[in-house]
Amino acid sequence: MQIEQLTKAISDQTRLRLLMLLVPNQELCVCEFTQALDLSQPKISRHLAILREADLLQDRKSGLWVYYRLNPALPEWVMTTLDTLQIASLQELVYQQDVERLRQSEKQNQTNCL
């Protein structure tokens, strides 16, 4: 992966928000992303497709649902960068709200995946 490929992929706030939720989680379903970011499924899916095309994500289908995870073949420098960004993101309200909405949906089992 080239630096330009990474920076282009994360230059959009929605894509960065998606990645910041994935860094501490093994994988998430599209429905979990829609709950956490409070955005429509088509918008989430479009941004996930861009991240997948950039080789940042891998997906797997399970029935009707699609789950995303970070590509395990990412270079170490990319993972270090994402880890650092994730730590920094916790200082900003929009990212804090994403994490809280994800926690609430998991806690209350209110995701559309169930």
N, C-alpha and C. Protein backbone atom coordinates (compact mmCIF):
# COMPACT_ATOMS: atom_id res chain seq x y z
N MET A 1 0.84 -1.18 0.00
CA MET A 1 0.00 0.00 0.00
C MET A 1 0.89 1.24 0.00
N GLN A 2 0.48 2.21 -0.78
CA GLN A 2 1.21 3.47 -0.85
C GLN A 2 0.55 4.50 0.07
N ILE A 3 1.35 5.45 0.51
CA ILE A 3 0.84 6.49 1.42
C ILE A 3 -0.33 7.22 0.79
N GLU A 4 -0.22 7.54 -0.50
CA GLU A 4 -1.30 8.26 -1.18
C GLU A 4 -2.60 7.47 -1.18
N GLN A 5 -2.50 6.16 -1.32
CA GLN A 5 -3.68 5.30 -1.32
C GLN A 5 -4.38 5.38 0.04
N LEU A 6 -3.61 5.33 1.11
CA LEU A 6 -4.18 5.41 2.45
C LEU A 6 -4.79 6.78 2.70
N THR A 7 -4.05 7.83 2.41
CA THR A 7 -4.55 9.18 2.72
C THR A 7 -5.78 9.53 1.89
N LYS A 8 -5.84 9.05 0.67
CA LYS A 8 -7.03 9.30 -0.15
C LYS A 8 -8.23 8.58 0.45
N ALA A 9 -8.03 7.35 0.90
CA ALA A 9 -9.13 6.56 1.47
C ALA A 9 -9.65 7.17 2.77
N ILE A 10 -8.79 7.73 3.58
CA ILE A 10 -9.22 8.26 4.88
C ILE A 10 -9.50 9.76 4.85
N SER A 11 -9.43 10.37 3.67
CA SER A 11 -9.64 11.82 3.58
C SER A 11 -11.10 12.22 3.78
N ASP A 12 -12.01 11.26 3.67
CA ASP A 12 -13.42 11.53 3.89
C ASP A 12 -13.78 11.19 5.33
N GLN A 13 -14.51 12.07 6.00
CA GLN A 13 -14.81 11.85 7.42
C GLN A 13 -15.64 10.59 7.65
N THR A 14 -16.57 10.28 6.77
CA THR A 14 -17.37 9.07 6.96
C THR A 14 -16.49 7.83 6.90
N ARG A 15 -15.57 7.77 5.94
CA ARG A 15 -14.68 6.61 5.85
C ARG A 15 -13.77 6.53 7.06
N LEU A 16 -13.30 7.67 7.53
CA LEU A 16 -12.45 7.66 8.72
C LEU A 16 -13.24 7.20 9.93
N ARG A 17 -14.49 7.63 10.05
CA ARG A 17 -15.33 7.19 11.16
C ARG A 17 -15.55 5.68 11.13
N LEU A 18 -15.77 5.14 9.93
CA LEU A 18 -15.94 3.69 9.79
C LEU A 18 -14.69 2.95 10.26
N LEU A 19 -13.54 3.42 9.82
CA LEU A 19 -12.28 2.78 10.20
C LEU A 19 -12.04 2.89 11.70
N MET A 20 -12.37 4.03 12.28
CA MET A 20 -12.13 4.21 13.71
C MET A 20 -12.99 3.28 14.56
N LEU A 21 -14.14 2.87 14.03
CA LEU A 21 -14.94 1.87 14.73
C LEU A 21 -14.39 0.47 14.55
N LEU A 22 -13.75 0.22 13.43
CA LEU A 22 -13.22 -1.12 13.17
C LEU A 22 -11.91 -1.40 13.88
N VAL A 23 -11.11 -0.39 14.13
CA VAL A 23 -9.80 -0.62 14.75
C VAL A 23 -9.93 -1.41 16.06
N PRO A 24 -10.80 -1.02 16.98
CA PRO A 24 -10.88 -1.80 18.23
C PRO A 24 -11.81 -3.02 18.16
N ASN A 25 -12.49 -3.22 17.05
CA ASN A 25 -13.43 -4.32 16.91
C ASN A 25 -12.94 -5.28 15.83
N GLN A 26 -13.20 -6.56 16.01
CA GLN A 26 -12.77 -7.54 15.01
C GLN A 26 -13.49 -7.34 13.70
N GLU A 27 -14.79 -7.24 13.76
CA GLU A 27 -15.58 -7.00 12.56
C GLU A 27 -16.92 -6.43 12.97
N LEU A 28 -17.53 -5.72 12.02
CA LEU A 28 -18.84 -5.14 12.24
C LEU A 28 -19.69 -5.34 11.00
N CYS A 29 -20.98 -5.44 11.21
CA CYS A 29 -21.95 -5.59 10.13
C CYS A 29 -22.35 -4.20 9.64
N VAL A 30 -22.79 -4.14 8.40
CA VAL A 30 -23.24 -2.87 7.84
C VAL A 30 -24.31 -2.25 8.74
N CYS A 31 -25.20 -3.07 9.27
CA CYS A 31 -26.25 -2.54 10.13
C CYS A 31 -25.69 -1.91 11.40
N GLU A 32 -24.60 -2.45 11.91
CA GLU A 32 -23.97 -1.85 13.10
C GLU A 32 -23.36 -0.50 12.76
N PHE A 33 -22.79 -0.39 11.56
CA PHE A 33 -22.25 0.90 11.13
C PHE A 33 -23.37 1.93 10.98
N THR A 34 -24.51 1.52 10.42
CA THR A 34 -25.61 2.48 10.25
C THR A 34 -26.12 2.98 11.59
N GLN A 35 -26.16 2.09 12.58
CA GLN A 35 -26.58 2.49 13.93
C GLN A 35 -25.56 3.45 14.54
N ALA A 36 -24.30 3.10 14.44
CA ALA A 36 -23.25 3.88 15.11
C ALA A 36 -23.06 5.26 14.48
N LEU A 37 -23.11 5.33 13.16
CA LEU A 37 -22.88 6.61 12.48
C LEU A 37 -24.17 7.38 12.25
N ASP A 38 -25.31 6.72 12.48
CA ASP A 38 -26.62 7.33 12.26
C ASP A 38 -26.74 7.86 10.82
N LEU A 39 -26.33 6.99 9.88
CA LEU A 39 -26.40 7.31 8.46
C LEU A 39 -27.14 6.20 7.73
N SER A 40 -27.56 6.48 6.52
CA SER A 40 -28.32 5.50 5.74
C SER A 40 -27.43 4.34 5.29
N GLN A 41 -28.06 3.19 5.09
CA GLN A 41 -27.34 2.00 4.65
C GLN A 41 -26.68 2.22 3.29
N PRO A 42 -27.34 2.83 2.29
CA PRO A 42 -26.65 3.04 1.01
C PRO A 42 -25.38 3.90 1.12
N LYS A 43 -25.44 4.93 1.96
CA LYS A 43 -24.25 5.78 2.15
C LYS A 43 -23.13 4.99 2.81
N ILE A 44 -23.46 4.24 3.85
CA ILE A 44 -22.46 3.42 4.53
C ILE A 44 -21.86 2.41 3.57
N SER A 45 -22.70 1.73 2.81
CA SER A 45 -22.22 0.71 1.88
C SER A 45 -21.30 1.30 0.80
N ARG A 46 -21.64 2.49 0.32
CA ARG A 46 -20.79 3.15 -0.69
C ARG A 46 -19.40 3.42 -0.13
N HIS A 47 -19.33 3.93 1.09
CA HIS A 47 -18.03 4.23 1.69
C HIS A 47 -17.25 2.96 2.04
N LEU A 48 -17.96 1.93 2.48
CA LEU A 48 -17.30 0.65 2.75
C LEU A 48 -16.71 0.06 1.47
N ALA A 49 -17.41 0.22 0.36
CA ALA A 49 -16.91 -0.28 -0.93
C ALA A 49 -15.62 0.44 -1.32
N ILE A 50 -15.55 1.71 -1.07
CA ILE A 50 -14.33 2.48 -1.37
C ILE A 50 -13.17 1.97 -0.52
N LEU A 51 -13.43 1.74 0.75
CA LEU A 51 -12.38 1.22 1.64
C LEU A 51 -11.96 -0.19 1.25
N ARG A 52 -12.91 -0.98 0.80
CA ARG A 52 -12.57 -2.33 0.35
C ARG A 52 -11.74 -2.29 -0.94
N GLU A 53 -12.11 -1.41 -1.86
CA GLU A 53 -11.36 -1.26 -3.10
C GLU A 53 -9.94 -0.76 -2.85
N ALA A 54 -9.75 -0.02 -1.77
CA ALA A 54 -8.42 0.47 -1.39
C ALA A 54 -7.64 -0.59 -0.62
N ASP A 55 -8.21 -1.78 -0.48
CA ASP A 55 -7.59 -2.91 0.23
C ASP A 55 -7.41 -2.67 1.72
N LEU A 56 -8.17 -1.74 2.28
CA LEU A 56 -8.13 -1.53 3.72
C LEU A 56 -9.04 -2.51 4.45
N LEU A 57 -10.10 -2.94 3.77
CA LEU A 57 -11.08 -3.82 4.40
C LEU A 57 -11.26 -5.11 3.61
N GLN A 58 -11.74 -6.11 4.33
CA GLN A 58 -12.21 -7.35 3.72
C GLN A 58 -13.63 -7.54 4.20
N ASP A 59 -14.42 -8.24 3.41
CA ASP A 59 -15.78 -8.50 3.83
C ASP A 59 -16.09 -9.98 3.74
N ARG A 60 -17.15 -10.35 4.44
CA ARG A 60 -17.67 -11.72 4.35
C ARG A 60 -19.18 -11.64 4.48
N LYS A 61 -19.84 -12.51 3.76
CA LYS A 61 -21.29 -12.55 3.81
C LYS A 61 -21.73 -13.68 4.72
N SER A 62 -22.75 -13.40 5.49
CA SER A 62 -23.35 -14.40 6.35
C SER A 62 -24.86 -14.24 6.22
N GLY A 63 -25.47 -15.08 5.41
CA GLY A 63 -26.89 -14.93 5.14
C GLY A 63 -27.14 -13.64 4.39
N LEU A 64 -28.00 -12.81 4.95
CA LEU A 64 -28.32 -11.53 4.32
C LEU A 64 -27.34 -10.42 4.69
N TRP A 65 -26.47 -10.67 5.66
CA TRP A 65 -25.63 -9.62 6.21
C TRP A 65 -24.22 -9.67 5.65
N VAL A 66 -23.59 -8.50 5.59
CA VAL A 66 -22.20 -8.39 5.16
C VAL A 66 -21.42 -7.80 6.34
N TYR A 67 -20.35 -8.49 6.69
CA TYR A 67 -19.50 -8.07 7.80
C TYR A 67 -18.16 -7.60 7.25
N TYR A 68 -17.63 -6.55 7.86
CA TYR A 68 -16.35 -5.97 7.43
C TYR A 68 -15.33 -6.05 8.54
N ARG A 69 -14.09 -6.23 8.15
CA ARG A 69 -12.97 -6.23 9.08
C ARG A 69 -11.78 -5.58 8.38
N LEU A 70 -10.81 -5.14 9.19
CA LEU A 70 -9.58 -4.61 8.60
C LEU A 70 -8.87 -5.74 7.87
N ASN A 71 -8.26 -5.42 6.77
CA ASN A 71 -7.50 -6.40 6.00
C ASN A 71 -6.32 -6.86 6.85
N PRO A 72 -6.23 -8.15 7.17
CA PRO A 72 -5.13 -8.63 8.01
C PRO A 72 -3.77 -8.53 7.32
N ALA A 73 -3.76 -8.30 6.02
CA ALA A 73 -2.49 -8.19 5.29
C ALA A 73 -1.99 -6.74 5.19
N LEU A 74 -2.63 -5.83 5.93
CA LEU A 74 -2.17 -4.44 5.90
C LEU A 74 -0.75 -4.35 6.46
N PRO A 75 0.08 -3.51 5.84
CA PRO A 75 1.43 -3.32 6.38
C PRO A 75 1.39 -2.79 7.81
N GLU A 76 2.43 -3.07 8.55
CA GLU A 76 2.49 -2.64 9.95
C GLU A 76 2.35 -1.13 10.09
N TRP A 77 2.95 -0.37 9.17
CA TRP A 77 2.89 1.08 9.27
C TRP A 77 1.45 1.59 9.12
N VAL A 78 0.64 0.90 8.33
CA VAL A 78 -0.77 1.29 8.18
C VAL A 78 -1.51 1.01 9.48
N MET A 79 -1.29 -0.16 10.07
CA MET A 79 -1.95 -0.48 11.33
C MET A 79 -1.53 0.48 12.44
N THR A 80 -0.26 0.82 12.48
CA THR A 80 0.22 1.78 13.48
C THR A 80 -0.46 3.13 13.28
N THR A 81 -0.58 3.55 12.04
CA THR A 81 -1.25 4.82 11.72
C THR A 81 -2.71 4.78 12.16
N LEU A 82 -3.41 3.71 11.82
CA LEU A 82 -4.82 3.58 12.20
C LEU A 82 -4.99 3.51 13.72
N ASP A 83 -4.10 2.80 14.39
CA ASP A 83 -4.16 2.75 15.86
C ASP A 83 -3.99 4.13 16.47
N THR A 84 -3.03 4.89 15.95
CA THR A 84 -2.78 6.24 16.45
C THR A 84 -3.96 7.15 16.19
N LEU A 85 -4.53 7.07 14.98
CA LEU A 85 -5.70 7.87 14.66
C LEU A 85 -6.89 7.50 15.54
N GLN A 86 -7.03 6.22 15.83
CA GLN A 86 -8.16 5.78 16.66
C GLN A 86 -8.03 6.35 18.07
N ILE A 87 -6.84 6.34 18.62
CA ILE A 87 -6.61 6.92 19.95
C ILE A 87 -6.92 8.41 19.94
N ALA A 88 -6.44 9.10 18.91
CA ALA A 88 -6.68 10.54 18.80
C ALA A 88 -8.16 10.84 18.59
N SER A 89 -8.86 9.97 17.87
CA SER A 89 -10.27 10.21 17.56
C SER A 89 -11.13 10.24 18.82
N LEU A 90 -10.70 9.54 19.86
CA LEU A 90 -11.48 9.49 21.08
C LEU A 90 -11.55 10.83 21.79
N GLN A 91 -10.75 11.79 21.34
CA GLN A 91 -10.78 13.13 21.92
C GLN A 91 -11.81 14.03 21.23
N GLU A 92 -12.41 13.54 20.13
CA GLU A 92 -13.35 14.37 19.36
C GLU A 92 -14.77 13.85 19.52
N LEU A 93 -15.68 14.77 19.66
CA LEU A 93 -17.07 14.45 19.98
C LEU A 93 -17.72 13.51 18.97
N VAL A 94 -17.57 13.76 17.69
CA VAL A 94 -18.25 12.93 16.69
C VAL A 94 -17.84 11.46 16.81
N TYR A 95 -16.58 11.20 17.08
CA TYR A 95 -16.10 9.82 17.23
C TYR A 95 -16.57 9.22 18.55
N GLN A 96 -16.60 10.03 19.59
CA GLN A 96 -17.12 9.57 20.88
C GLN A 96 -18.59 9.16 20.73
N GLN A 97 -19.35 9.96 19.99
CA GLN A 97 -20.77 9.64 19.79
C GLN A 97 -20.94 8.35 18.99
N ASP A 98 -20.08 8.14 17.99
CA ASP A 98 -20.15 6.90 17.22
C ASP A 98 -19.94 5.69 18.12
N VAL A 99 -18.93 5.76 18.96
CA VAL A 99 -18.62 4.65 19.87
C VAL A 99 -19.78 4.43 20.83
N GLU A 100 -20.34 5.50 21.34
CA GLU A 100 -21.45 5.37 22.30
C GLU A 100 -22.68 4.77 21.62
N ARG A 101 -23.01 5.22 20.40
CA ARG A 101 -24.17 4.65 19.70
C ARG A 101 -23.94 3.16 19.41
N LEU A 102 -22.71 2.79 19.05
CA LEU A 102 -22.41 1.38 18.82
C LEU A 102 -22.59 0.58 20.10
N ARG A 103 -22.08 1.10 21.20
CA ARG A 103 -22.23 0.42 22.50
C ARG A 103 -23.70 0.26 22.88
N GLN A 104 -24.46 1.32 22.68
CA GLN A 104 -25.88 1.28 23.03
C GLN A 104 -26.63 0.26 22.19
N SER A 105 -26.33 0.22 20.90
CA SER A 105 -27.04 -0.73 20.04
C SER A 105 -26.66 -2.16 20.40
N GLU A 106 -25.40 -2.40 20.76
CA GLU A 106 -24.98 -3.73 21.18
C GLU A 106 -25.62 -4.09 22.52
N LYS A 107 -25.64 -3.14 23.42
CA LYS A 107 -26.18 -3.35 24.77
C LYS A 107 -27.67 -3.67 24.71
N GLN A 108 -28.38 -2.97 23.84
CA GLN A 108 -29.82 -3.14 23.76
C GLN A 108 -30.23 -4.13 22.67
N ASN A 109 -29.22 -4.70 21.97
CA ASN A 109 -29.50 -5.65 20.89
C ASN A 109 -30.51 -5.08 19.89
N GLN A 110 -30.31 -3.81 19.53
CA GLN A 110 -31.26 -3.16 18.64
C GLN A 110 -30.73 -3.00 17.21
N THR A 111 -29.68 -3.71 16.86
CA THR A 111 -29.20 -3.60 15.49
C THR A 111 -30.14 -4.35 14.57
N ASN A 112 -30.17 -3.95 13.33
CA ASN A 112 -31.03 -4.59 12.33
C ASN A 112 -30.51 -5.97 11.94
N CYS A 113 -29.35 -6.35 12.41
CA CYS A 113 -28.74 -7.63 12.04
C CYS A 113 -29.40 -8.79 12.74
N LEU A 114 -30.05 -8.54 13.84
CA LEU A 114 -30.58 -9.64 14.65
C LEU A 114 -31.86 -10.19 14.08
